[in-house]
C-alpha atoms as a PDB file:
ATOM      1  CA  MET A   1      94.190  98.136 125.725  1.00  0.00           C
ATOM      2  CA  SER A   2      97.955  97.579 125.769  1.00  0.00           C
ATOM      3  CA  THR A   3     101.036  99.595 126.716  1.00  0.00           C
ATOM      4  CA  GLU A   4     104.398  99.331 124.972  1.00  0.00           C
ATOM      5  CA  ASP A   5     107.337 101.740 124.729  1.00  0.00           C
ATOM      6  CA  HIS A   6     105.361 104.438 126.588  1.00  0.00           C
ATOM      7  CA  VAL A   7     102.605 104.308 123.994  1.00  0.00           C
ATOM      8  CA  ARG A   8      99.093 103.235 124.992  1.00  0.00           C
ATOM      9  CA  THR A   9      96.928 101.584 122.334  1.00  0.00           C
ATOM     10  CA  THR A  10      93.123 101.680 122.349  1.00  0.00           C
ATOM     11  CA  VAL A  11      90.410 100.724 119.853  1.00  0.00           C
ATOM     12  CA  MET A  12      88.161 103.763 120.141  1.00  0.00           C
ATOM     13  CA  PHE A  13      84.934 102.301 118.710  1.00  0.00           C
ATOM     14  CA  PRO A  14      85.073  98.588 119.543  1.00  0.00           C
ATOM     15  CA  ASN A  15      81.475  97.913 118.476  1.00  0.00           C
ATOM     16  CA  GLN A  16      82.617  98.621 114.899  1.00  0.00           C
ATOM     17  CA  ASP A  17      86.233  97.512 115.496  1.00  0.00           C
ATOM     18  CA  PHE A  18      87.091 100.987 114.213  1.00  0.00           C
ATOM     19  CA  LEU A  19      89.812 103.592 114.802  1.00  0.00           C
ATOM     20  CA  VAL A  20      92.924 102.741 116.811  1.00  0.00           C
ATOM     21  CA  MET A  21      94.515 105.444 118.976  1.00  0.00           C
ATOM     22  CA  HIS A  22      98.199 105.288 119.909  1.00  0.00           C
ATOM     23  CA  GLU A  23      98.687 107.748 122.744  1.00  0.00           C
ATOM     24  CA  CYS A  24     102.147 108.715 123.949  1.00  0.00           C
ATOM     25  CA  THR A  25     102.305 108.482 127.765  1.00  0.00           C
ATOM     26  CA  ALA A  26     105.831 109.829 128.418  1.00  0.00           C
ATOM     27  CA  PRO A  27     107.977 112.625 126.959  1.00  0.00           C
ATOM     28  CA  GLY A  28     110.871 111.885 124.670  1.00  0.00           C
ATOM     29  CA  VAL A  29     109.290 109.351 122.315  1.00  0.00           C
ATOM     30  CA  ASP A  30     110.470 110.201 118.779  1.00  0.00           C
ATOM     31  CA  ILE A  31     107.355 109.763 116.635  1.00  0.00           C
ATOM     32  CA  VAL A  32     109.313 109.522 113.374  1.00  0.00           C
ATOM     33  CA  HIS A  33     111.480 106.707 114.755  1.00  0.00           C
ATOM     34  CA  TRP A  34     108.468 105.085 116.431  1.00  0.00           C
ATOM     35  CA  THR A  35     106.494 105.169 113.182  1.00  0.00           C
ATOM     36  CA  LYS A  36     109.428 103.693 111.267  1.00  0.00           C
ATOM     37  CA  THR A  37     109.902 100.791 113.694  1.00  0.00           C
ATOM     38  CA  HIS A  38     106.158 100.092 113.911  1.00  0.00           C
ATOM     39  CA  ARG A  39     105.347 100.620 110.246  1.00  0.00           C
ATOM     40  CA  THR A  40     104.420  96.983 109.532  1.00  0.00           C
ATOM     41  CA  ALA A  41     102.104  96.851 112.546  1.00  0.00           C
ATOM     42  CA  LEU A  42     100.539 100.194 111.625  1.00  0.00           C
ATOM     43  CA  GLU A  43      99.916  98.947 108.086  1.00  0.00           C
ATOM     44  CA  GLN A  44      98.092  95.908 109.450  1.00  0.00           C
ATOM     45  CA  GLU A  45      96.095  98.026 111.883  1.00  0.00           C
ATOM     46  CA  LEU A  46      95.015 100.299 109.072  1.00  0.00           C
ATOM     47  CA  LEU A  47      93.730  97.322 107.085  1.00  0.00           C
ATOM     48  CA  GLU A  48      91.861  95.941 110.103  1.00  0.00           C
ATOM     49  CA  HIS A  49      90.532  99.123 111.700  1.00  0.00           C
ATOM     50  CA  GLY A  50      90.555 101.697 108.866  1.00  0.00           C
ATOM     51  CA  ALA A  51      91.912 104.641 110.868  1.00  0.00           C
ATOM     52  CA  ILE A  52      94.774 105.398 113.269  1.00  0.00           C
ATOM     53  CA  LEU A  53      95.149 108.409 115.559  1.00  0.00           C
ATOM     54  CA  LEU A  54      98.591 109.316 116.917  1.00  0.00           C
ATOM     55  CA  ARG A  55      98.200 111.569 119.974  1.00  0.00           C
ATOM     56  CA  ASN A  56     100.407 113.341 122.536  1.00  0.00           C
ATOM     57  CA  PHE A  57     103.617 112.916 120.562  1.00  0.00           C
ATOM     58  CA  ALA A  58     105.887 115.914 119.972  1.00  0.00           C
ATOM     59  CA  THR A  59     104.921 117.032 116.471  1.00  0.00           C
ATOM     60  CA  ASP A  60     105.070 119.990 114.139  1.00  0.00           C
ATOM     61  CA  ARG A  61     104.587 120.553 110.419  1.00  0.00           C
ATOM     62  CA  ALA A  62     108.027 119.177 109.489  1.00  0.00           C
ATOM     63  CA  VAL A  63     107.559 116.127 111.715  1.00  0.00           C
ATOM     64  CA  PHE A  64     104.184 115.481 110.081  1.00  0.00           C
ATOM     65  CA  ALA A  65     105.834 115.463 106.651  1.00  0.00           C
ATOM     66  CA  CYS A  66     108.388 112.935 107.910  1.00  0.00           C
ATOM     67  CA  VAL A  67     105.679 110.718 109.403  1.00  0.00           C
ATOM     68  CA  ALA A  68     103.763 110.856 106.115  1.00  0.00           C
ATOM     69  CA  ASP A  69     106.910 109.730 104.291  1.00  0.00           C
ATOM     70  CA  GLN A  70     107.297 106.846 106.739  1.00  0.00           C
ATOM     71  CA  ILE A  71     103.712 105.730 106.170  1.00  0.00           C
ATOM     72  CA  SER A  72     104.031 106.078 102.398  1.00  0.00           C
ATOM     73  CA  PRO A  73     106.595 108.119 100.447  1.00  0.00           C
ATOM     74  CA  ARG A  74     104.564 107.836  97.237  1.00  0.00           C
ATOM     75  CA  CYS A  75     102.732 111.109  96.666  1.00  0.00           C
ATOM     76  CA  ILE A  76      99.720 112.150  94.647  1.00  0.00           C
ATOM     77  CA  ASP A  77      98.909 115.718  93.694  1.00  0.00           C
ATOM     78  CA  TYR A  78      95.436 117.249  93.855  1.00  0.00           C
ATOM     79  CA  ARG A  79      94.816 118.036  90.200  1.00  0.00           C
ATOM     80  CA  GLY A  80      91.163 117.404  89.460  1.00  0.00           C
ATOM     81  CA  GLY A  81      90.120 117.686  93.102  1.00  0.00           C
ATOM     82  CA  ASN A  82      87.176 119.944  93.879  1.00  0.00           C
ATOM     83  CA  ALA A  83      87.909 121.238  97.405  1.00  0.00           C
ATOM     84  CA  PRO A  84      89.684 124.594  97.749  1.00  0.00           C
ATOM     85  CA  ARG A  85      93.070 123.917  99.342  1.00  0.00           C
ATOM     86  CA  THR A  86      96.621 125.233  99.113  1.00  0.00           C
ATOM     87  CA  ALA A  87      99.725 123.194  98.301  1.00  0.00           C
ATOM     88  CA  LEU A  88     102.509 123.730 100.827  1.00  0.00           C
ATOM     89  CA  ALA A  89     106.072 122.394 100.986  1.00  0.00           C
ATOM     90  CA  ASP A  90     106.954 118.694 101.332  1.00  0.00           C
ATOM     91  CA  ASN A  91     103.824 117.492  99.479  1.00  0.00           C
ATOM     92  CA  ILE A  92     101.573 118.801 102.241  1.00  0.00           C
ATOM     93  CA  PHE A  93      98.257 120.595 101.628  1.00  0.00           C
ATOM     94  CA  THR A  94      95.876 122.630 103.681  1.00  0.00           C
ATOM     95  CA  SER A  95      92.661 120.749 104.319  1.00  0.00           C
ATOM     96  CA  SER A  96      89.425 122.117 102.885  1.00  0.00           C
ATOM     97  CA  GLU A  97      89.270 125.922 102.888  1.00  0.00           C
ATOM     98  CA  LEU A  98      85.496 126.041 102.611  1.00  0.00           C
ATOM     99  CA  PRO A  99      83.951 128.671 104.930  1.00  0.00           C
ATOM    100  CA  PRO A 100      83.764 127.650 108.621  1.00  0.00           C
ATOM    101  CA  PRO A 101      79.925 127.371 108.750  1.00  0.00           C
ATOM    102  CA  ILE A 102      79.939 124.714 106.017  1.00  0.00           C
ATOM    103  CA  THR A 103      79.628 121.026 106.872  1.00  0.00           C
ATOM    104  CA  LEU A 104      81.824 118.964 104.583  1.00  0.00           C
ATOM    105  CA  VAL A 105      79.764 115.787 104.302  1.00  0.00           C
ATOM    106  CA  GLN A 106      81.242 112.296 104.351  1.00  0.00           C
ATOM    107  CA  HIS A 107      83.241 111.323 101.282  1.00  0.00           C
ATOM    108  CA  HIS A 108      86.143 109.195 100.106  1.00  0.00           C
ATOM    109  CA  GLU A 109      88.882 111.423  98.689  1.00  0.00           C
ATOM    110  CA  MET A 110      88.915 111.718  94.880  1.00  0.00           C
ATOM    111  CA  MET A 111      86.779 108.620  94.288  1.00  0.00           C
ATOM    112  CA  PHE A 112      85.234 110.438  91.319  1.00  0.00           C
ATOM    113  CA  SER A 113      88.639 110.090  89.642  1.00  0.00           C
ATOM    114  CA  GLN A 114      90.335 107.113  88.028  1.00  0.00           C
ATOM    115  CA  CYS A 115      93.310 107.707  90.339  1.00  0.00           C
ATOM    116  CA  TRP A 116      93.019 108.349  94.054  1.00  0.00           C
ATOM    117  CA  PRO A 117      95.162 108.231  97.208  1.00  0.00           C
ATOM    118  CA  MET A 118      94.899 104.991  99.160  1.00  0.00           C
ATOM    119  CA  LYS A 119      96.080 106.730 102.323  1.00  0.00           C
ATOM    120  CA  LEU A 120      95.200 110.130 103.796  1.00  0.00           C
ATOM    121  CA  LEU A 121      97.031 111.773 106.675  1.00  0.00           C
ATOM    122  CA  PHE A 122      95.813 114.804 108.615  1.00  0.00           C
ATOM    123  CA  PHE A 123      97.742 116.929 111.109  1.00  0.00           C
ATOM    124  CA  CYS A 124      96.146 119.298 113.595  1.00  0.00           C
ATOM    125  CA  GLU A 125      98.399 122.320 113.860  1.00  0.00           C
ATOM    126  CA  LEU A 126      95.692 124.404 115.534  1.00  0.00           C
ATOM    127  CA  PRO A 127      92.309 123.079 116.709  1.00  0.00           C
ATOM    128  CA  ALA A 128      89.253 125.281 116.282  1.00  0.00           C
ATOM    129  CA  GLN A 129      87.771 127.168 119.203  1.00  0.00           C
ATOM    130  CA  THR A 130      84.600 125.092 118.840  1.00  0.00           C
ATOM    131  CA  GLY A 131      83.748 122.290 116.417  1.00  0.00           C
ATOM    132  CA  GLY A 132      85.948 121.608 113.415  1.00  0.00           C
ATOM    133  CA  GLU A 133      86.261 117.875 114.024  1.00  0.00           C
ATOM    134  CA  THR A 134      87.047 115.531 111.141  1.00  0.00           C
ATOM    135  CA  PRO A 135      84.226 112.978 111.511  1.00  0.00           C
ATOM    136  CA  LEU A 136      84.652 109.493 110.075  1.00  0.00           C
ATOM    137  CA  CYS A 137      82.546 106.557 108.937  1.00  0.00           C
ATOM    138  CA  SER A 138      83.705 102.977 108.491  1.00  0.00           C
ATOM    139  CA  ALA A 139      82.879 101.913 104.933  1.00  0.00           C
ATOM    140  CA  ARG A 140      82.355  98.355 106.139  1.00  0.00           C
ATOM    141  CA  HIS A 141      79.692  99.648 108.514  1.00  0.00           C
ATOM    142  CA  THR A 142      78.001 101.940 105.982  1.00  0.00           C
ATOM    143  CA  THR A 143      77.889  99.219 103.320  1.00  0.00           C
ATOM    144  CA  ARG A 144      76.130  96.922 105.792  1.00  0.00           C
ATOM    145  CA  ALA A 145      73.817  99.599 107.194  1.00  0.00           C
ATOM    146  CA  ILE A 146      72.601 101.588 104.168  1.00  0.00           C
ATOM    147  CA  ALA A 147      69.291 100.274 102.812  1.00  0.00           C
ATOM    148  CA  PRO A 148      70.036  97.413 100.366  1.00  0.00           C
ATOM    149  CA  THR A 149      67.529  98.800  97.849  1.00  0.00           C
ATOM    150  CA  ILE A 150      69.533 102.044  97.618  1.00  0.00           C
ATOM    151  CA  LEU A 151      72.779 100.197  97.032  1.00  0.00           C
ATOM    152  CA  HIS A 152      71.160  97.836  94.517  1.00  0.00           C
ATOM    153  CA  ASP A 153      69.875 100.743  92.445  1.00  0.00           C
ATOM    154  CA  PHE A 154      73.375 102.191  92.047  1.00  0.00           C
ATOM    155  CA  ASP A 155      74.581  98.861  90.688  1.00  0.00           C
ATOM    156  CA  ALA A 156      71.501  98.397  88.484  1.00  0.00           C
ATOM    157  CA  HIS A 157      71.906 101.875  86.954  1.00  0.00           C
ATOM    158  CA  GLY A 158      75.606 101.549  86.162  1.00  0.00           C
ATOM    159  CA  GLY A 159      77.136 103.387  89.095  1.00  0.00           C
ATOM    160  CA  ILE A 160      77.146 107.137  89.316  1.00  0.00           C
ATOM    161  CA  MET A 161      77.735 110.045  86.940  1.00  0.00           C
ATOM    162  CA  TYR A 162      79.504 113.045  88.464  1.00  0.00           C
ATOM    163  CA  ILE A 163      78.922 116.316  86.604  1.00  0.00           C
ATOM    164  CA  ARG A 164      80.927 119.502  87.119  1.00  0.00           C
ATOM    165  CA  ASN A 165      80.359 122.885  85.524  1.00  0.00           C
ATOM    166  CA  PHE A 166      83.343 125.194  85.666  1.00  0.00           C
ATOM    167  CA  ARG A 167      81.712 128.577  85.211  1.00  0.00           C
ATOM    168  CA  PRO A 168      82.884 132.036  86.320  1.00  0.00           C
ATOM    169  CA  ASP A 169      80.326 132.034  89.170  1.00  0.00           C
ATOM    170  CA  ILE A 170      81.540 128.778  90.724  1.00  0.00           C
ATOM    171  CA  PRO A 171      81.986 129.223  94.504  1.00  0.00           C
ATOM    172  CA  PHE A 172      84.760 126.648  94.654  1.00  0.00           C
ATOM    173  CA  LYS A 173      87.967 126.018  92.747  1.00  0.00           C
ATOM    174  CA  THR A 174      88.301 127.684  89.370  1.00  0.00           C
ATOM    175  CA  LEU A 175      89.031 125.761  86.210  1.00  0.00           C
ATOM    176  CA  GLU A 176      92.680 126.818  86.331  1.00  0.00           C
ATOM    177  CA  ASP A 177      93.032 125.926  90.008  1.00  0.00           C
ATOM    178  CA  THR A 178      91.483 122.516  89.433  1.00  0.00           C
ATOM    179  CA  PHE A 179      93.623 121.477  86.473  1.00  0.00           C
ATOM    180  CA  GLY A 180      96.735 123.512  87.226  1.00  0.00           C
ATOM    181  CA  THR A 181      96.577 125.250  83.850  1.00  0.00           C
ATOM    182  CA  SER A 182      94.368 127.527  81.772  1.00  0.00           C
ATOM    183  CA  ASP A 183      95.507 126.012  78.472  1.00  0.00           C
ATOM    184  CA  ARG A 184      92.535 124.324  76.797  1.00  0.00           C
ATOM    185  CA  ALA A 185      94.577 121.637  75.076  1.00  0.00           C
ATOM    186  CA  ALA A 186      96.292 120.694  78.338  1.00  0.00           C
ATOM    187  CA  ILE A 187      92.958 120.579  80.186  1.00  0.00           C
ATOM    188  CA  GLU A 188      91.452 118.365  77.490  1.00  0.00           C
ATOM    189  CA  MET A 189      94.462 116.041  77.703  1.00  0.00           C
ATOM    190  CA  LEU A 190      94.008 115.714  81.469  1.00  0.00           C
ATOM    191  CA  CYS A 191      90.308 114.978  80.988  1.00  0.00           C
ATOM    192  CA  ARG A 192      91.035 112.204  78.495  1.00  0.00           C
ATOM    193  CA  ALA A 193      93.691 110.726  80.765  1.00  0.00           C
ATOM    194  CA  ASP A 194      91.069 110.451  83.521  1.00  0.00           C
ATOM    195  CA  SER A 195      88.420 108.904  81.235  1.00  0.00           C
ATOM    196  CA  MET A 196      86.360 112.062  81.629  1.00  0.00           C
ATOM    197  CA  ASP A 197      83.912 113.375  79.039  1.00  0.00           C
ATOM    198  CA  PHE A 198      84.046 117.123  78.527  1.00  0.00           C
ATOM    199  CA  GLU A 199      82.299 119.856  76.564  1.00  0.00           C
ATOM    200  CA  TRP A 200      83.021 123.566  76.288  1.00  0.00           C
ATOM    201  CA  LYS A 201      79.660 125.214  76.877  1.00  0.00           C
ATOM    202  CA  GLY A 202      81.095 128.699  76.372  1.00  0.00           C
ATOM    203  CA  PRO A 203      84.364 130.658  76.404  1.00  0.00           C
ATOM    204  CA  SER A 204      84.628 130.341  80.202  1.00  0.00           C
ATOM    205  CA  TRP A 205      82.461 127.295  80.858  1.00  0.00           C
ATOM    206  CA  LEU A 206      83.686 123.702  80.756  1.00  0.00           C
ATOM    207  CA  GLN A 207      81.354 120.842  81.662  1.00  0.00           C
ATOM    208  CA  THR A 208      82.840 117.468  82.646  1.00  0.00           C
ATOM    209  CA  ARG A 209      81.148 114.107  83.205  1.00  0.00           C
ATOM    210  CA  GLN A 210      82.715 111.117  84.936  1.00  0.00           C
ATOM    211  CA  ILE A 211      80.971 107.756  85.246  1.00  0.00           C
ATOM    212  CA  ARG A 212      82.362 105.753  88.155  1.00  0.00           C
ATOM    213  CA  PRO A 213      81.374 102.607  90.058  1.00  0.00           C
ATOM    214  CA  ALA A 214      79.422 103.111  93.263  1.00  0.00           C
ATOM    215  CA  PHE A 215      81.534 100.397  94.899  1.00  0.00           C
ATOM    216  CA  ARG A 216      85.252  99.732  94.996  1.00  0.00           C
ATOM    217  CA  VAL A 217      87.053  96.550  96.020  1.00  0.00           C
ATOM    218  CA  HIS A 218      89.946  97.088  98.392  1.00  0.00           C
ATOM    219  CA  PRO A 219      93.062  95.797  96.593  1.00  0.00           C
ATOM    220  CA  VAL A 220      94.486  94.186  99.747  1.00  0.00           C
ATOM    221  CA  THR A 221      91.553  93.115 101.950  1.00  0.00           C
ATOM    222  CA  GLY A 222      89.122  92.295  99.134  1.00  0.00           C
ATOM    223  CA  ASP A 223      86.284  94.180 100.871  1.00  0.00           C
ATOM    224  CA  ARG A 224      83.717  95.535  98.424  1.00  0.00           C
ATOM    225  CA  VAL A 225      82.436  98.787  99.903  1.00  0.00           C
ATOM    226  CA  PHE A 226      80.204 101.682  98.905  1.00  0.00           C
ATOM    227  CA  VAL A 227      82.310 104.746  98.080  1.00  0.00           C
ATOM    228  CA  ALA A 228      79.952 106.858  95.947  1.00  0.00           C
ATOM    229  CA  THR A 229      79.210 110.390  97.143  1.00  0.00           C
ATOM    230  CA  PRO A 230      76.014 111.552  95.394  1.00  0.00           C
ATOM    231  CA  HIS A 231      74.886 113.314  98.588  1.00  0.00           C
ATOM    232  CA  LEU A 232      77.910 115.612  98.221  1.00  0.00           C
ATOM    233  CA  TRP A 233      77.243 116.413  94.543  1.00  0.00           C
ATOM    234  CA  HIS A 234      73.476 116.241  94.052  1.00  0.00           C
ATOM    235  CA  ARG A 235      71.243 119.316  93.947  1.00  0.00           C
ATOM    236  CA  ALA A 236      69.220 118.029  96.910  1.00  0.00           C
ATOM    237  CA  GLY A 237      72.382 117.923  99.004  1.00  0.00           C
ATOM    238  CA  TRP A 238      73.371 121.435  97.939  1.00  0.00           C
ATOM    239  CA  THR A 239      70.034 122.897  98.970  1.00  0.00           C
ATOM    240  CA  ARG A 240      70.834 121.853 102.543  1.00  0.00           C
ATOM    241  CA  GLN A 241      74.124 123.737 102.495  1.00  0.00           C
ATOM    242  CA  LEU A 242      73.844 126.725 100.199  1.00  0.00           C
ATOM    243  CA  VAL A 243      72.226 129.036 102.727  1.00  0.00           C
ATOM    244  CA  ARG A 244      75.566 129.017 104.563  1.00  0.00           C
ATOM    245  CA  PHE A 245      77.424 130.300 101.480  1.00  0.00           C
ATOM    246  CA  GLY A 246      75.491 133.556 101.437  1.00  0.00           C
ATOM    247  CA  PRO A 247      72.220 134.872  99.980  1.00  0.00           C
ATOM    248  CA  GLN A 248      73.556 134.863  96.420  1.00  0.00           C
ATOM    249  CA  TYR A 249      73.640 131.049  96.564  1.00  0.00           C
ATOM    250  CA  SER A 250      70.199 130.440  98.060  1.00  0.00           C
ATOM    251  CA  PRO A 251      68.263 127.515  96.529  1.00  0.00           C
ATOM    252  CA  GLU A 252      65.817 129.759  94.666  1.00  0.00           C
ATOM    253  CA  HIS A 253      68.763 131.154  92.694  1.00  0.00           C
ATOM    254  CA  LEU A 254      69.860 127.730  91.430  1.00  0.00           C
ATOM    255  CA  PRO A 255      69.413 126.996  87.709  1.00  0.00           C
ATOM    256  CA  ALA A 256      66.276 125.077  86.763  1.00  0.00           C
ATOM    257  CA  ASP A 257      68.382 122.460  84.976  1.00  0.00           C
ATOM    258  CA  SER A 258      70.331 120.632  87.695  1.00  0.00           C
ATOM    259  CA  THR A 259      72.936 119.443  85.181  1.00  0.00           C
ATOM    260  CA  THR A 260      74.147 123.048  84.873  1.00  0.00           C
ATOM    261  CA  LEU A 261      74.717 123.380  88.619  1.00  0.00           C
ATOM    262  CA  TRP A 262      78.379 123.622  89.700  1.00  0.00           C
ATOM    263  CA  MET A 263      78.238 119.983  90.807  1.00  0.00           C
ATOM    264  CA  HIS A 264      75.520 117.396  90.314  1.00  0.00           C
ATOM    265  CA  ALA A 265      75.105 113.623  90.292  1.00  0.00           C
ATOM    266  CA  LEU A 266      73.004 111.181  88.275  1.00  0.00           C
ATOM    267  CA  TYR A 267      72.979 107.415  88.088  1.00  0.00           C
ATOM    268  CA  GLY A 268      75.641 106.117  85.732  1.00  0.00           C
ATOM    269  CA  ASP A 269      73.130 105.549  82.919  1.00  0.00           C
ATOM    270  CA  GLY A 270      71.907 109.141  83.179  1.00  0.00           C
ATOM    271  CA  THR A 271      68.776 108.372  85.186  1.00  0.00           C
ATOM    272  CA  PRO A 272      68.049 111.088  87.779  1.00  0.00           C
ATOM    273  CA  ILE A 273      68.591 110.148  91.417  1.00  0.00           C
ATOM    274  CA  ASP A 274      65.491 110.918  93.446  1.00  0.00           C
ATOM    275  CA  ASP A 275      65.867 113.625  96.080  1.00  0.00           C
ATOM    276  CA  CYS A 276      64.646 111.248  98.788  1.00  0.00           C
ATOM    277  CA  ILE A 277      67.624 108.941  98.145  1.00  0.00           C
ATOM    278  CA  ILE A 278      70.017 111.846  98.592  1.00  0.00           C
ATOM    279  CA  HIS A 279      68.328 112.971 101.799  1.00  0.00           C
ATOM    280  CA  GLU A 280      68.405 109.426 103.159  1.00  0.00           C
ATOM    281  CA  LEU A 281      72.147 109.103 102.445  1.00  0.00           C
ATOM    282  CA  TYR A 282      72.838 112.573 103.830  1.00  0.00           C
ATOM    283  CA  ASP A 283      70.921 111.838 107.030  1.00  0.00           C
ATOM    284  CA  PHE A 284      72.523 108.405 107.356  1.00  0.00           C
ATOM    285  CA  TYR A 285      76.059 109.788 107.317  1.00  0.00           C
ATOM    286  CA  GLU A 286      75.166 112.619 109.684  1.00  0.00           C
ATOM    287  CA  ARG A 287      73.693 110.088 112.088  1.00  0.00           C
ATOM    288  CA  GLU A 288      76.412 107.448 111.850  1.00  0.00           C
ATOM    289  CA  LYS A 289      79.600 109.542 111.711  1.00  0.00           C
ATOM    290  CA  VAL A 290      81.939 109.444 114.686  1.00  0.00           C
ATOM    291  CA  ALA A 291      84.495 112.029 115.722  1.00  0.00           C
ATOM    292  CA  LEU A 292      87.120 112.763 118.319  1.00  0.00           C
ATOM    293  CA  PRO A 293      87.806 116.448 119.020  1.00  0.00           C
ATOM    294  CA  TRP A 294      91.138 117.509 117.556  1.00  0.00           C
ATOM    295  CA  GLN A 295      94.018 118.125 119.935  1.00  0.00           C
ATOM    296  CA  ARG A 296      97.022 120.171 118.877  1.00  0.00           C
ATOM    297  CA  GLY A 297      99.641 117.863 117.348  1.00  0.00           C
ATOM    298  CA  ASP A 298      97.277 114.998 116.484  1.00  0.00           C
ATOM    299  CA  ILE A 299      98.062 112.949 113.381  1.00  0.00           C
ATOM    300  CA  LEU A 300      95.208 110.966 111.814  1.00  0.00           C
ATOM    301  CA  ILE A 301      95.883 108.237 109.225  1.00  0.00           C
ATOM    302  CA  LEU A 302      93.051 106.888 107.072  1.00  0.00           C
ATOM    303  CA  ASP A 303      92.595 104.081 104.575  1.00  0.00           C
ATOM    304  CA  ASN A 304      90.750 106.052 101.906  1.00  0.00           C
ATOM    305  CA  ILE A 305      88.639 103.125 100.700  1.00  0.00           C
ATOM    306  CA  MET A 306      87.759 101.740 104.113  1.00  0.00           C
ATOM    307  CA  VAL A 307      86.969 105.106 105.742  1.00  0.00           C
ATOM    308  CA  SER A 308      85.088 108.219 104.636  1.00  0.00           C
ATOM    309  CA  HIS A 309      85.710 111.583 106.242  1.00  0.00           C
ATOM    310  CA  GLY A 310      84.233 115.068 106.448  1.00  0.00           C
ATOM    311  CA  ARG A 311      84.476 118.284 108.438  1.00  0.00           C
ATOM    312  CA  ASN A 312      82.181 119.736 111.076  1.00  0.00           C
ATOM    313  CA  PRO A 313      81.459 123.500 111.165  1.00  0.00           C
ATOM    314  CA  PHE A 314      83.674 125.486 113.492  1.00  0.00           C
ATOM    315  CA  THR A 315      84.405 128.832 115.082  1.00  0.00           C
ATOM    316  CA  GLY A 316      87.727 130.552 115.580  1.00  0.00           C
ATOM    317  CA  PRO A 317      90.936 129.921 113.608  1.00  0.00           C
ATOM    318  CA  ARG A 318      91.661 126.329 112.607  1.00  0.00           C
ATOM    319  CA  CYS A 319      94.642 124.751 110.829  1.00  0.00           C
ATOM    320  CA  VAL A 320      94.508 121.115 109.786  1.00  0.00           C
ATOM    321  CA  LEU A 321      96.965 119.953 107.137  1.00  0.00           C
ATOM    322  CA  ALA A 322      96.711 116.964 104.815  1.00  0.00           C
ATOM    323  CA  ALA A 323      98.946 114.570 102.909  1.00  0.00           C
ATOM    324  CA  LEU A 324      97.632 112.428 100.048  1.00  0.00           C
ATOM    325  CA  ARG A 325      99.720 109.280  99.660  1.00  0.00           C
ATOM    326  CA  GLU A 326      99.950 105.961  97.848  1.00  0.00           C
ATOM    327  CA  PRO A 327      98.329 106.650  94.473  1.00  0.00           C
ATOM    328  CA  PHE A 328      96.151 103.889  93.080  1.00  0.00           C
ATOM    329  CA  HIS A 329      94.734 103.711  89.547  1.00  0.00           C
ATOM    330  CA  ALA A 330      91.457 101.914  88.900  1.00  0.00           C
ATOM    331  CA  GLU A 331      92.889 100.102  85.870  1.00  0.00           C
ATOM    332  CA  THR A 332      96.594  99.675  86.621  1.00  0.00           C
ATOM    333  CA  GLY A 333      96.710  99.426  90.419  1.00  0.00           C
ATOM    334  CA  PHE A 334      99.336 100.955  92.689  1.00  0.00           C
ATOM    335  CA  LEU A 335     101.510 103.643  91.104  1.00  0.00           C
ATOM    336  CA  ALA A 336     104.996 104.825  92.003  1.00  0.00           C
ATOM    337  CA  GLU A 337     103.914 108.459  92.254  1.00  0.00           C
ATOM    338  CA  VAL A 338     101.591 111.017  90.689  1.00  0.00           C
ATOM    339  CA  ALA A 339     102.864 114.580  90.773  1.00  0.00           C
END
């Protein structure tokens, strides 16, 4: 623990060398100026520890946008993303708008895409009455701790195939909301640009398939970590959650063919992933995730490859905002901006 410029620094989970908290200990510290002057150190901390929490600074929505610009001014939009969220001003989004009883399981943002944000920032404008934490897992830890046979099978079967079915009954983002347009030609162009196979199954039903590696190599640290999220997409994972969406989405009402479910996952070569693998991954992340309760004004910064995140169920109103920064393309590397 160290103290400098009225800011106390603590590694919150030293056994994993994970998550640094910078806590303001006196009024009057300008977080935008502090972030600017400490940007190089923060960048190094993010590479070493994966996550940074800024706490007890004077913050609001506009200040959060300025801090996000200090961390990385390069923005990425959310086209193709599958969580319901609203775009606000200054390249800021609401976080997931899934119903409060739903657990958003651990995932790395947009890793099913060819282009993803390297950095995520979250801002707690209003903490929930109970719950609502944003739990985290260190990808270094999960890659070491998940059963080697599970990880080997993802490599042996060519990664993972993510399947989405945009049908009128989808309980998430609509086709238009996902792609930002209802024009078929424009949607098909976006699919091709993301190396995504697609097929129109009907007038209002588009099916997409994306084959992605189960591991990614961090472009700066060189760490090769497991970033696949089959437990979020697979039918076996959905059966653990659907009861919280309402009776119309109970497991017995799911289609017999899992590949027609709203979201599903197979191995990259098309081989089905056994339910027991999904349950083991699901249980692993639930057991290993760590979380600090949100406090009003908190800003959380994540390295999107080195850290997965989720959302715990909550009660009462909750407002957590997000910024997706530093776009990275699997084939061409860091990009100036995607918007």
